[in-house]
Every structure is written in C-alpha cells, then in structure tokens.
Amino acid sequence: SFGPGVTIDVVGRDEALEVAAELLSGDVAPAAGEAFGTVGGVRTTFRLTTRWDGSSQESWTEIDCALPPGCPLLLQLRPREWRDTERVLLGDRNYIKVGHDAFDDAFLIEGAPADVVRGLLDRDARTWLLAARHAELTTETGRILRMALYGWLEEAKSIEPALKLAGRLARHLREATRQADPVSGPSQ
C-alpha cells in the first residue's frame, strides 16, 4: 500500500477523474487522463499518468496549479534517496533546508528564491508531504506548480486534500514572496 486512498489499479481511473472534476467544479478529458477546473480560485489540472522507470511503468498522480504572476519561483523538491547521501555530505549542491529535521532528512529541495521556498513549505505543507511518503513539487514551464504523488489517487478522501494543498501552495506564493522581501514584495 502507498498510503490512504492510493492504488495503482486502472479500474477506478475514470471514476477518480469524475471525482476530481466535481471537486474542481470542472470537467474531464478522459483520453488525456485529466480533470480540470479550479481549487480556491486557482486554475488546476488533476492528471493520472504513467512514468517509465527503466523498463517498468509507475503510476503517478500529478496536480498542476497556475502560479500568480509577478512572483518568482524555481522549485524542485523530491524524496531523498540512498544515493543522495554522499552528494549532500560533500556539499555537492546548495540544497535548501527548511529547519524541520524530519522534513530536511526526507526531501532534497533546490529552488530560488530560497526564502520564498521556505515560506511556501509551512508546517501544514511539510506535514502533508511527509505523510504522502513519495511526493514531488516542481515548477514547470508556463508558471505551473506541479505536485506529483506516487500511485493513482482514486478516492475522494485522498483526492480532495491533495487538490486543496496544491491550490493553497499556489495561492500562498504571493504571501511567501511578500514575507521573504517585505520591501518590494511581488512585482506587479
């Protein structure tokens, strides 16, 4: 098991997309494996997808949220793997630490501005991402924040909190930017 409501069973795919579309007050694009709409006023796409890992396939849930204009953010957050230990110890890169030991031990974070990234990853976000076990957060082309979760979320009780967190993170970017630079804040 990958956590509550997470499976890799293809049977519930269409139903999961319908649930997501309802929660987003949106619609479904079944051929693309997507539901789209808004969460908390943020344009959002919920996607059930498959990634290749060498010769095997892995099921993933991706939630893309539009980021507000004028708020710079580059982010790549992923679970730490055993092969990362040496890289971290040698200081190979400037990984961001959020000051929460369990979270810093579980995830590698690269991003800029670092203070904005730290502000975005508040206690609620860290708690949720730690519980999700295998989660990624990345910024994508087109001012998109993508939250990717291993396995397909197929039940409302797991889809709804994931959508809410992704939308909250996208909305919270403006405030995190303002807190990181209270003089200039977000650009207009």
Protein backbone atom coordinates (compact mmCIF):
# COMPACT_ATOMS: atom_id res chain seq x y z
CA SER A 1 0.00 0.00 0.00
CA PHE A 2 1.16 3.53 -0.80
CA GLY A 3 -0.99 5.31 1.77
CA PRO A 4 -4.69 6.05 2.26
CA GLY A 5 -6.61 6.04 -1.00
CA VAL A 6 -3.53 5.43 -3.17
CA THR A 7 -3.54 2.46 -5.51
CA ILE A 8 -2.25 1.53 -8.92
CA ASP A 9 -5.48 -0.12 -10.04
CA VAL A 10 -6.61 1.04 -13.50
CA VAL A 11 -10.27 0.14 -12.82
CA GLY A 12 -11.02 3.31 -10.84
CA ARG A 13 -9.34 5.75 -13.26
CA ASP A 14 -12.47 7.19 -14.87
CA GLU A 15 -14.28 7.39 -11.55
CA ALA A 16 -11.28 9.18 -9.98
CA LEU A 17 -11.29 11.71 -12.81
CA GLU A 18 -15.01 12.32 -12.29
CA VAL A 19 -14.45 12.85 -8.55
CA ALA A 20 -11.62 15.29 -9.26
CA ALA A 21 -13.70 17.18 -11.84
CA GLU A 22 -16.55 17.51 -9.34
CA LEU A 23 -14.18 18.78 -6.62
CA LEU A 24 -12.70 21.26 -9.13
CA SER A 25 -16.15 22.34 -10.40
CA GLY A 26 -14.73 21.48 -13.79
CA ASP A 27 -14.70 18.85 -16.48
CA VAL A 28 -12.93 15.66 -17.56
CA ALA A 29 -10.70 14.91 -20.55
CA PRO A 30 -10.75 11.09 -20.29
CA ALA A 31 -8.46 10.45 -23.26
CA ALA A 32 -5.79 12.61 -21.61
CA GLY A 33 -6.43 11.12 -18.16
CA GLU A 34 -7.17 14.61 -16.83
CA ALA A 35 -9.75 16.58 -14.91
CA PHE A 36 -9.55 20.35 -14.80
CA GLY A 37 -11.18 23.31 -13.12
CA THR A 38 -10.30 25.49 -10.13
CA VAL A 39 -9.50 24.98 -6.49
CA GLY A 40 -9.68 28.06 -4.29
CA GLY A 41 -9.71 30.24 -7.40
CA VAL A 42 -6.55 28.63 -8.84
CA ARG A 43 -6.66 27.06 -12.31
CA THR A 44 -5.88 23.37 -11.68
CA THR A 45 -5.38 20.17 -13.67
CA PHE A 46 -5.57 16.74 -11.99
CA ARG A 47 -3.84 14.02 -14.01
CA LEU A 48 -3.45 10.26 -13.65
CA THR A 49 -0.37 9.34 -15.61
CA THR A 50 2.25 6.67 -16.12
CA ARG A 51 6.00 7.26 -15.98
CA TRP A 52 8.69 4.92 -17.18
CA ASP A 53 11.43 3.93 -14.77
CA GLY A 54 13.88 1.95 -16.85
CA SER A 55 11.86 -0.96 -18.22
CA SER A 56 8.97 -0.69 -15.78
CA GLN A 57 5.95 1.60 -15.56
CA GLU A 58 4.93 3.56 -12.48
CA SER A 59 1.54 5.14 -11.86
CA TRP A 60 1.58 8.78 -10.69
CA THR A 61 -0.95 11.44 -9.82
CA GLU A 62 0.00 14.94 -10.95
CA ILE A 63 -1.74 18.14 -9.89
CA ASP A 64 -0.79 21.28 -11.83
CA CYS A 65 -1.73 24.69 -10.44
CA ALA A 66 -1.23 28.05 -12.12
CA LEU A 67 1.13 30.33 -10.22
CA PRO A 68 0.33 34.01 -9.72
CA PRO A 69 2.18 36.45 -11.98
CA GLY A 70 4.96 38.58 -10.55
CA CYS A 71 6.11 36.00 -8.00
CA PRO A 72 9.39 34.37 -8.96
CA LEU A 73 9.80 30.71 -8.07
CA LEU A 74 12.00 27.85 -9.18
CA LEU A 75 11.46 24.65 -7.23
CA GLN A 76 12.45 21.02 -7.32
CA LEU A 77 11.53 19.02 -4.22
CA ARG A 78 11.86 15.26 -4.25
CA PRO A 79 12.32 12.46 -1.74
CA ARG A 80 15.89 11.84 -0.69
CA GLU A 81 17.26 8.53 -1.94
CA TRP A 82 20.13 6.45 -0.56
CA ARG A 83 22.42 7.60 -3.39
CA ASP A 84 21.92 11.25 -2.36
CA THR A 85 23.69 10.84 1.00
CA GLU A 86 27.21 11.32 -0.36
CA ARG A 87 26.15 14.25 -2.55
CA VAL A 88 24.59 16.02 0.44
CA LEU A 89 27.53 15.31 2.77
CA LEU A 90 30.03 16.60 0.21
CA GLY A 91 28.01 19.77 -0.28
CA ASP A 92 27.72 18.96 -3.98
CA ARG A 93 24.84 21.41 -4.31
CA ASN A 94 23.23 24.10 -2.25
CA TYR A 95 20.17 22.24 -1.08
CA ILE A 96 17.61 24.27 0.82
CA LYS A 97 16.88 23.33 4.42
CA VAL A 98 13.56 24.40 5.93
CA GLY A 99 14.67 23.93 9.54
CA HIS A 100 12.49 20.89 10.27
CA ASP A 101 14.76 17.87 10.76
CA ALA A 102 12.35 15.15 9.66
CA PHE A 103 11.42 17.07 6.51
CA ASP A 104 15.01 18.05 5.70
CA ASP A 105 16.06 14.41 6.11
CA ALA A 106 13.21 13.14 3.91
CA PHE A 107 13.44 15.58 0.96
CA LEU A 108 16.02 17.29 -1.21
CA ILE A 109 15.00 20.81 -2.13
CA GLU A 110 16.53 23.01 -4.78
CA GLY A 111 14.98 26.34 -5.61
CA ALA A 112 15.05 30.08 -5.71
CA PRO A 113 14.47 32.39 -4.04
CA ALA A 114 15.33 30.18 -1.05
CA ASP A 115 13.40 32.33 1.46
CA VAL A 116 10.27 32.08 -0.70
CA VAL A 117 10.65 28.29 -0.91
CA ARG A 118 11.00 28.09 2.89
CA GLY A 119 7.93 30.32 3.33
CA LEU A 120 5.90 28.19 0.95
CA LEU A 121 6.73 24.97 2.81
CA ASP A 122 4.94 25.85 6.03
CA ARG A 123 4.12 23.37 8.80
CA ASP A 124 0.87 22.14 7.17
CA ALA A 125 2.55 21.58 3.81
CA ARG A 126 5.51 19.77 5.39
CA THR A 127 3.22 17.54 7.47
CA TRP A 128 1.12 16.60 4.44
CA LEU A 129 4.12 15.94 2.18
CA LEU A 130 5.82 13.81 4.84
CA ALA A 131 2.66 11.73 5.25
CA ALA A 132 2.36 11.30 1.47
CA ARG A 133 5.67 9.41 1.56
CA HIS A 134 6.69 9.81 -2.10
CA ALA A 135 5.79 13.31 -3.25
CA GLU A 136 7.45 15.79 -5.57
CA LEU A 137 6.93 19.53 -6.03
CA THR A 138 8.33 21.21 -9.13
CA THR A 139 7.84 24.36 -11.11
CA GLU A 140 7.10 23.68 -14.75
CA THR A 141 7.15 25.76 -17.92
CA GLY A 142 4.24 28.16 -18.12
CA ARG A 143 4.18 29.27 -14.45
CA ILE A 144 2.88 25.93 -13.17
CA LEU A 145 3.44 24.34 -9.77
CA ARG A 146 3.24 20.54 -10.10
CA MET A 147 2.64 18.26 -7.15
CA ALA A 148 3.31 14.65 -8.15
CA LEU A 149 2.35 11.71 -5.95
CA TYR A 150 3.38 8.09 -6.45
CA GLY A 151 0.36 5.96 -7.33
CA TRP A 152 -3.06 7.00 -8.52
CA LEU A 153 -5.30 8.81 -6.07
CA GLU A 154 -8.69 7.23 -6.70
CA GLU A 155 -10.88 8.16 -3.74
CA ALA A 156 -12.42 11.49 -2.81
CA LYS A 157 -10.92 11.23 0.69
CA SER A 158 -7.40 11.29 -0.82
CA ILE A 159 -8.06 13.44 -3.92
CA GLU A 160 -9.66 16.37 -2.07
CA PRO A 161 -6.82 17.08 0.41
CA ALA A 162 -4.23 16.76 -2.36
CA LEU A 163 -6.11 19.27 -4.53
CA LYS A 164 -6.53 21.64 -1.58
CA LEU A 165 -2.84 21.53 -0.70
CA ALA A 166 -1.68 22.12 -4.28
CA GLY A 167 -4.08 25.04 -4.68
CA ARG A 168 -3.11 26.51 -1.31
CA LEU A 169 0.59 26.35 -2.20
CA ALA A 170 -0.04 28.20 -5.48
CA ARG A 171 -2.17 30.85 -3.72
CA HIS A 172 0.33 31.17 -0.86
CA LEU A 173 3.21 32.04 -3.22
CA ARG A 174 2.27 35.74 -3.24
CA GLU A 175 2.33 35.89 0.59
CA ALA A 176 5.58 33.87 0.79
CA THR A 177 7.15 36.32 -1.67
CA ARG A 178 5.95 39.30 0.37
CA GLN A 179 7.28 37.79 3.62
CA ALA A 180 10.66 37.00 2.04
CA ASP A 181 11.04 40.55 0.71
CA PRO A 182 8.72 42.86 2.64
CA VAL A 183 10.09 46.00 0.92
CA SER A 184 9.44 45.14 -2.71
CA GLY A 185 7.22 42.05 -2.40
CA PRO A 186 5.68 40.57 -5.54
CA SER A 187 6.19 42.52 -8.76
CA GLN A 188 3.11 43.83 -10.47
